[in-house]
Amino acid sequence: MQENVQAQPQLSPPWITYFNELKNSIGADPTVTVGPLIPVGGNYIILVHALSDEKARALATLLKSFVEFGNVSVTVIVTNNENDIVNPLPCPLDAFEIAHLFQVALENNPYFEQVVVQPQLPGGANVVFPVFAAKVIQFFNDDISNLCQTFTGVAANVFHDVMNDDVCGIPILFSTSCVPSSESAQLQNTDLTPKLFY
């Protein structure tokens, strides 16, 4: 007697999702290559290669260099055009210097729109607001909660996942582009009646 055994769904481990977030956000820049994901003794290394020294230094300063998923760690290593490993810039850096690093690191990235330096609250210290297009980043991820089994994330949130929350004590507040009220009439699907399917 032979049993029919169907393969159980295989879910992408979190380090694969993280690699794909990095590849589909930072790697969307034509001057940056992300990958491969290299297994090293139960942990992983992700290589990020930039075509210029300045961009490599900015990325090394802004990207999370080490992430843990339970007992599995991921180390992100940034290299320049000569394949030399690049280290982050040392502190202290002020908000305007950090904003410049975002401009250099993301200037060719299709998701990046601008960087703004201003206080988060009136009278407070300056913080850095990298602003991203109101777009989603999507890739296959074995997500069984999604009809197409994809990961779908707002661009600003995906960049937040792979970049530091603060640099030299200066908060980084990842933001989505604002839609001016004058453009609200151009928004699609504003007059659609929802359709319910049972």
C-alpha atoms as a PDB file:
ATOM      1  CA  MET A   1       0.000   0.000   0.000  1.00  0.00           C
ATOM      2  CA  GLN A   2       1.357   3.387  -1.009  1.00  0.00           C
ATOM      3  CA  GLU A   3       0.502   6.629   0.735  1.00  0.00           C
ATOM      4  CA  ASN A   4       0.055   9.854  -1.107  1.00  0.00           C
ATOM      5  CA  VAL A   5       2.101  12.372   0.840  1.00  0.00           C
ATOM      6  CA  GLN A   6       1.797  15.939  -0.296  1.00  0.00           C
ATOM      7  CA  ALA A   7       4.565  18.364   0.421  1.00  0.00           C
ATOM      8  CA  GLN A   8       3.818  20.681   3.310  1.00  0.00           C
ATOM      9  CA  PRO A   9       4.210  24.393   2.655  1.00  0.00           C
ATOM     10  CA  GLN A  10       7.739  25.639   3.293  1.00  0.00           C
ATOM     11  CA  LEU A  11       7.845  29.089   4.837  1.00  0.00           C
ATOM     12  CA  SER A  12      10.729  31.412   4.102  1.00  0.00           C
ATOM     13  CA  PRO A  13      12.934  31.785   7.186  1.00  0.00           C
ATOM     14  CA  PRO A  14      13.239  35.362   8.495  1.00  0.00           C
ATOM     15  CA  TRP A  15      16.825  35.788   7.276  1.00  0.00           C
ATOM     16  CA  ILE A  16      15.680  35.036   3.706  1.00  0.00           C
ATOM     17  CA  THR A  17      12.924  37.647   4.088  1.00  0.00           C
ATOM     18  CA  TYR A  18      15.493  40.120   5.460  1.00  0.00           C
ATOM     19  CA  PHE A  19      17.851  39.441   2.543  1.00  0.00           C
ATOM     20  CA  ASN A  20      14.993  40.032   0.089  1.00  0.00           C
ATOM     21  CA  GLU A  21      13.976  43.245   1.878  1.00  0.00           C
ATOM     22  CA  LEU A  22      17.561  44.500   1.539  1.00  0.00           C
ATOM     23  CA  LYS A  23      17.825  43.339  -2.076  1.00  0.00           C
ATOM     24  CA  ASN A  24      14.523  44.903  -3.138  1.00  0.00           C
ATOM     25  CA  SER A  25      15.034  48.218  -1.301  1.00  0.00           C
ATOM     26  CA  ILE A  26      18.727  49.151  -1.231  1.00  0.00           C
ATOM     27  CA  GLY A  27      19.361  46.893  -4.240  1.00  0.00           C
ATOM     28  CA  ALA A  28      16.809  48.797  -6.357  1.00  0.00           C
ATOM     29  CA  ASP A  29      19.587  51.358  -6.905  1.00  0.00           C
ATOM     30  CA  PRO A  30      21.378  50.505 -10.188  1.00  0.00           C
ATOM     31  CA  THR A  31      24.730  51.454  -8.600  1.00  0.00           C
ATOM     32  CA  VAL A  32      24.332  48.977  -5.720  1.00  0.00           C
ATOM     33  CA  THR A  33      24.402  45.177  -5.782  1.00  0.00           C
ATOM     34  CA  VAL A  34      22.990  43.181  -2.863  1.00  0.00           C
ATOM     35  CA  GLY A  35      23.989  39.556  -2.488  1.00  0.00           C
ATOM     36  CA  PRO A  36      24.702  36.824  -2.300  1.00  0.00           C
ATOM     37  CA  LEU A  37      23.430  35.557   1.046  1.00  0.00           C
ATOM     38  CA  ILE A  38      26.384  33.497   2.286  1.00  0.00           C
ATOM     39  CA  PRO A  39      25.908  30.767   4.930  1.00  0.00           C
ATOM     40  CA  VAL A  40      28.724  30.704   7.506  1.00  0.00           C
ATOM     41  CA  GLY A  41      28.478  28.133  10.305  1.00  0.00           C
ATOM     42  CA  GLY A  42      24.727  28.447  10.858  1.00  0.00           C
ATOM     43  CA  ASN A  43      24.762  32.235  10.422  1.00  0.00           C
ATOM     44  CA  TYR A  44      24.737  34.408   7.304  1.00  0.00           C
ATOM     45  CA  ILE A  45      26.606  37.239   5.626  1.00  0.00           C
ATOM     46  CA  ILE A  46      24.990  39.584   3.105  1.00  0.00           C
ATOM     47  CA  LEU A  47      27.312  41.469   0.777  1.00  0.00           C
ATOM     48  CA  VAL A  48      26.337  44.981  -0.349  1.00  0.00           C
ATOM     49  CA  HIS A  49      28.535  46.333  -3.140  1.00  0.00           C
ATOM     50  CA  ALA A  50      28.497  50.035  -4.092  1.00  0.00           C
ATOM     51  CA  LEU A  51      30.152  51.494  -7.181  1.00  0.00           C
ATOM     52  CA  SER A  52      31.651  54.488  -5.357  1.00  0.00           C
ATOM     53  CA  ASP A  53      33.618  54.909  -2.149  1.00  0.00           C
ATOM     54  CA  GLU A  54      31.338  57.720  -0.966  1.00  0.00           C
ATOM     55  CA  LYS A  55      28.159  55.659  -1.469  1.00  0.00           C
ATOM     56  CA  ALA A  56      29.783  52.609   0.163  1.00  0.00           C
ATOM     57  CA  ARG A  57      30.791  54.685   3.218  1.00  0.00           C
ATOM     58  CA  ALA A  58      27.276  56.170   3.475  1.00  0.00           C
ATOM     59  CA  LEU A  59      25.643  52.729   3.223  1.00  0.00           C
ATOM     60  CA  ALA A  60      28.055  51.239   5.776  1.00  0.00           C
ATOM     61  CA  THR A  61      27.057  54.012   8.198  1.00  0.00           C
ATOM     62  CA  LEU A  62      23.296  53.810   7.609  1.00  0.00           C
ATOM     63  CA  LEU A  63      22.590  50.082   7.145  1.00  0.00           C
ATOM     64  CA  LYS A  64      22.092  47.746  10.089  1.00  0.00           C
ATOM     65  CA  SER A  65      25.366  45.832  10.222  1.00  0.00           C
ATOM     66  CA  PHE A  66      24.132  42.985  12.425  1.00  0.00           C
ATOM     67  CA  VAL A  67      20.644  41.502  12.879  1.00  0.00           C
ATOM     68  CA  GLU A  68      19.616  38.516  15.019  1.00  0.00           C
ATOM     69  CA  PHE A  69      16.763  36.113  14.337  1.00  0.00           C
ATOM     70  CA  GLY A  70      16.710  33.877  17.417  1.00  0.00           C
ATOM     71  CA  ASN A  71      19.926  31.876  17.274  1.00  0.00           C
ATOM     72  CA  VAL A  72      20.713  32.915  13.678  1.00  0.00           C
ATOM     73  CA  SER A  73      22.593  36.132  13.001  1.00  0.00           C
ATOM     74  CA  VAL A  74      23.004  38.089   9.776  1.00  0.00           C
ATOM     75  CA  THR A  75      26.005  40.348   9.204  1.00  0.00           C
ATOM     76  CA  VAL A  76      25.850  42.962   6.441  1.00  0.00           C
ATOM     77  CA  ILE A  77      29.205  43.792   4.854  1.00  0.00           C
ATOM     78  CA  VAL A  78      29.539  46.783   2.519  1.00  0.00           C
ATOM     79  CA  THR A  79      32.258  46.870  -0.139  1.00  0.00           C
ATOM     80  CA  ASN A  80      33.360  49.550  -2.591  1.00  0.00           C
ATOM     81  CA  ASN A  81      34.260  49.337  -6.285  1.00  0.00           C
ATOM     82  CA  GLU A  82      37.700  47.922  -5.396  1.00  0.00           C
ATOM     83  CA  ASN A  83      35.964  45.193  -3.309  1.00  0.00           C
ATOM     84  CA  ASP A  84      37.460  46.636  -0.117  1.00  0.00           C
ATOM     85  CA  ILE A  85      35.324  46.302   3.023  1.00  0.00           C
ATOM     86  CA  VAL A  86      34.117  49.745   4.090  1.00  0.00           C
ATOM     87  CA  ASN A  87      33.562  50.739   7.727  1.00  0.00           C
ATOM     88  CA  PRO A  88      30.936  53.193   9.024  1.00  0.00           C
ATOM     89  CA  LEU A  89      31.896  56.799   9.658  1.00  0.00           C
ATOM     90  CA  PRO A  90      32.758  57.430  13.320  1.00  0.00           C
ATOM     91  CA  CYS A  91      30.653  59.613  15.604  1.00  0.00           C
ATOM     92  CA  PRO A  92      30.023  62.434  16.223  1.00  0.00           C
ATOM     93  CA  LEU A  93      27.830  63.275  13.232  1.00  0.00           C
ATOM     94  CA  ASP A  94      25.118  65.927  13.314  1.00  0.00           C
ATOM     95  CA  ALA A  95      21.666  65.716  11.697  1.00  0.00           C
ATOM     96  CA  PHE A  96      22.769  67.571   8.551  1.00  0.00           C
ATOM     97  CA  GLU A  97      25.786  65.294   8.053  1.00  0.00           C
ATOM     98  CA  ILE A  98      23.516  62.250   8.457  1.00  0.00           C
ATOM     99  CA  ALA A  99      21.026  63.751   5.984  1.00  0.00           C
ATOM    100  CA  HIS A 100      23.881  64.143   3.506  1.00  0.00           C
ATOM    101  CA  LEU A 101      24.721  60.453   3.988  1.00  0.00           C
ATOM    102  CA  PHE A 102      21.112  59.532   3.129  1.00  0.00           C
ATOM    103  CA  GLN A 103      21.300  61.702   0.010  1.00  0.00           C
ATOM    104  CA  VAL A 104      24.530  60.005  -1.098  1.00  0.00           C
ATOM    105  CA  ALA A 105      23.401  56.476  -0.181  1.00  0.00           C
ATOM    106  CA  LEU A 106      19.972  56.686  -1.830  1.00  0.00           C
ATOM    107  CA  GLU A 107      20.300  59.303  -4.596  1.00  0.00           C
ATOM    108  CA  ASN A 108      19.789  56.756  -7.415  1.00  0.00           C
ATOM    109  CA  ASN A 109      17.165  54.706  -5.592  1.00  0.00           C
ATOM    110  CA  PRO A 110      13.709  54.860  -7.240  1.00  0.00           C
ATOM    111  CA  TYR A 111      11.939  54.696  -3.851  1.00  0.00           C
ATOM    112  CA  PHE A 112      13.822  57.629  -2.304  1.00  0.00           C
ATOM    113  CA  GLU A 113      12.390  61.138  -2.707  1.00  0.00           C
ATOM    114  CA  GLN A 114      14.184  63.467  -0.303  1.00  0.00           C
ATOM    115  CA  VAL A 115      15.632  63.906   3.147  1.00  0.00           C
ATOM    116  CA  VAL A 116      14.425  66.572   5.592  1.00  0.00           C
ATOM    117  CA  VAL A 117      16.112  67.796   8.779  1.00  0.00           C
ATOM    118  CA  GLN A 118      13.853  69.438  11.338  1.00  0.00           C
ATOM    119  CA  PRO A 119      12.747  69.005  14.950  1.00  0.00           C
ATOM    120  CA  GLN A 120      10.222  66.232  15.539  1.00  0.00           C
ATOM    121  CA  LEU A 121       8.438  68.525  18.009  1.00  0.00           C
ATOM    122  CA  PRO A 122       8.562  72.336  18.138  1.00  0.00           C
ATOM    123  CA  GLY A 123      11.580  73.503  20.084  1.00  0.00           C
ATOM    124  CA  GLY A 124      13.181  70.052  20.035  1.00  0.00           C
ATOM    125  CA  ALA A 125      16.453  68.857  18.594  1.00  0.00           C
ATOM    126  CA  ASN A 126      16.778  68.169  14.873  1.00  0.00           C
ATOM    127  CA  VAL A 127      15.990  64.683  13.610  1.00  0.00           C
ATOM    128  CA  VAL A 128      16.373  63.189  10.131  1.00  0.00           C
ATOM    129  CA  PHE A 129      13.341  62.313   7.996  1.00  0.00           C
ATOM    130  CA  PRO A 130      14.269  60.255   4.918  1.00  0.00           C
ATOM    131  CA  VAL A 131      11.159  60.449   2.717  1.00  0.00           C
ATOM    132  CA  PHE A 132      10.177  57.601   0.406  1.00  0.00           C
ATOM    133  CA  ALA A 133       7.647  57.347  -2.413  1.00  0.00           C
ATOM    134  CA  ALA A 134       4.162  56.122  -1.546  1.00  0.00           C
ATOM    135  CA  LYS A 135       4.877  52.722  -3.090  1.00  0.00           C
ATOM    136  CA  VAL A 136       5.064  49.131  -1.940  1.00  0.00           C
ATOM    137  CA  ILE A 137       7.955  46.702  -2.209  1.00  0.00           C
ATOM    138  CA  GLN A 138       6.767  43.219  -3.083  1.00  0.00           C
ATOM    139  CA  PHE A 139       8.537  39.894  -3.598  1.00  0.00           C
ATOM    140  CA  PHE A 140       7.745  36.174  -3.385  1.00  0.00           C
ATOM    141  CA  ASN A 141       8.125  34.968   0.193  1.00  0.00           C
ATOM    142  CA  ASP A 142       6.076  31.781   0.780  1.00  0.00           C
ATOM    143  CA  ASP A 143       3.590  33.910   2.741  1.00  0.00           C
ATOM    144  CA  ILE A 144       0.559  31.619   3.046  1.00  0.00           C
ATOM    145  CA  SER A 145      -1.523  34.482   4.474  1.00  0.00           C
ATOM    146  CA  ASN A 146      -1.306  36.217   1.083  1.00  0.00           C
ATOM    147  CA  LEU A 147      -3.096  34.872  -2.000  1.00  0.00           C
ATOM    148  CA  CYS A 148       0.014  35.315  -4.149  1.00  0.00           C
ATOM    149  CA  GLN A 149       2.386  34.216  -1.342  1.00  0.00           C
ATOM    150  CA  THR A 150       4.241  37.515  -1.463  1.00  0.00           C
ATOM    151  CA  PHE A 151       5.756  39.884   1.044  1.00  0.00           C
ATOM    152  CA  THR A 152       4.243  43.336   0.573  1.00  0.00           C
ATOM    153  CA  GLY A 153       5.561  46.294   2.538  1.00  0.00           C
ATOM    154  CA  VAL A 154       5.305  50.072   2.328  1.00  0.00           C
ATOM    155  CA  ALA A 155       8.649  51.311   0.980  1.00  0.00           C
ATOM    156  CA  ALA A 156       9.410  53.521   4.019  1.00  0.00           C
ATOM    157  CA  ASN A 157       8.784  50.571   6.360  1.00  0.00           C
ATOM    158  CA  VAL A 158      11.058  48.241   4.383  1.00  0.00           C
ATOM    159  CA  PHE A 159      13.880  50.805   4.437  1.00  0.00           C
ATOM    160  CA  HIS A 160      13.261  51.165   8.194  1.00  0.00           C
ATOM    161  CA  ASP A 161      13.705  47.387   8.548  1.00  0.00           C
ATOM    162  CA  VAL A 162      17.173  47.409   6.953  1.00  0.00           C
ATOM    163  CA  MET A 163      18.554  50.778   8.108  1.00  0.00           C
ATOM    164  CA  ASN A 164      19.529  52.101  11.535  1.00  0.00           C
ATOM    165  CA  ASP A 165      16.887  53.802  13.716  1.00  0.00           C
ATOM    166  CA  ASP A 166      19.457  56.322  14.862  1.00  0.00           C
ATOM    167  CA  VAL A 167      22.973  57.331  13.928  1.00  0.00           C
ATOM    168  CA  CYS A 168      25.238  58.896  16.561  1.00  0.00           C
ATOM    169  CA  GLY A 169      22.210  59.412  18.805  1.00  0.00           C
ATOM    170  CA  ILE A 170      20.234  61.301  16.123  1.00  0.00           C
ATOM    171  CA  PRO A 171      16.815  59.669  15.494  1.00  0.00           C
ATOM    172  CA  ILE A 172      15.992  58.591  11.942  1.00  0.00           C
ATOM    173  CA  LEU A 173      12.241  58.778  11.227  1.00  0.00           C
ATOM    174  CA  PHE A 174      11.442  56.934   7.989  1.00  0.00           C
ATOM    175  CA  SER A 175       8.528  58.650   6.263  1.00  0.00           C
ATOM    176  CA  THR A 176       6.230  58.216   3.282  1.00  0.00           C
ATOM    177  CA  SER A 177       5.791  61.096   0.862  1.00  0.00           C
ATOM    178  CA  CYS A 178       2.957  63.450   1.770  1.00  0.00           C
ATOM    179  CA  VAL A 179       0.107  63.826  -0.722  1.00  0.00           C
ATOM    180  CA  PRO A 180      -0.766  67.536  -0.942  1.00  0.00           C
ATOM    181  CA  SER A 181      -4.470  68.315  -0.512  1.00  0.00           C
ATOM    182  CA  SER A 182      -4.555  69.825  -4.021  1.00  0.00           C
ATOM    183  CA  GLU A 183      -3.805  66.393  -5.433  1.00  0.00           C
ATOM    184  CA  SER A 184      -6.478  64.571  -3.419  1.00  0.00           C
ATOM    185  CA  ALA A 185      -8.950  64.954  -6.305  1.00  0.00           C
ATOM    186  CA  GLN A 186      -6.578  62.896  -8.431  1.00  0.00           C
ATOM    187  CA  LEU A 187      -6.666  59.918  -6.081  1.00  0.00           C
ATOM    188  CA  GLN A 188      -8.157  56.840  -7.696  1.00  0.00           C
ATOM    189  CA  ASN A 189     -11.025  54.734  -6.366  1.00  0.00           C
ATOM    190  CA  THR A 190     -12.481  57.554  -4.251  1.00  0.00           C
ATOM    191  CA  ASP A 191     -16.044  57.094  -5.516  1.00  0.00           C
ATOM    192  CA  LEU A 192     -16.166  53.311  -5.672  1.00  0.00           C
ATOM    193  CA  THR A 193     -18.769  51.453  -3.692  1.00  0.00           C
ATOM    194  CA  PRO A 194     -17.191  48.449  -1.970  1.00  0.00           C
ATOM    195  CA  LYS A 195     -18.184  45.110  -3.427  1.00  0.00           C
ATOM    196  CA  LEU A 196     -18.589  42.241  -1.018  1.00  0.00           C
ATOM    197  CA  PHE A 197     -18.128  38.667  -2.154  1.00  0.00           C
ATOM    198  CA  TYR A 198     -19.378  35.695  -0.135  1.00  0.00           C
END
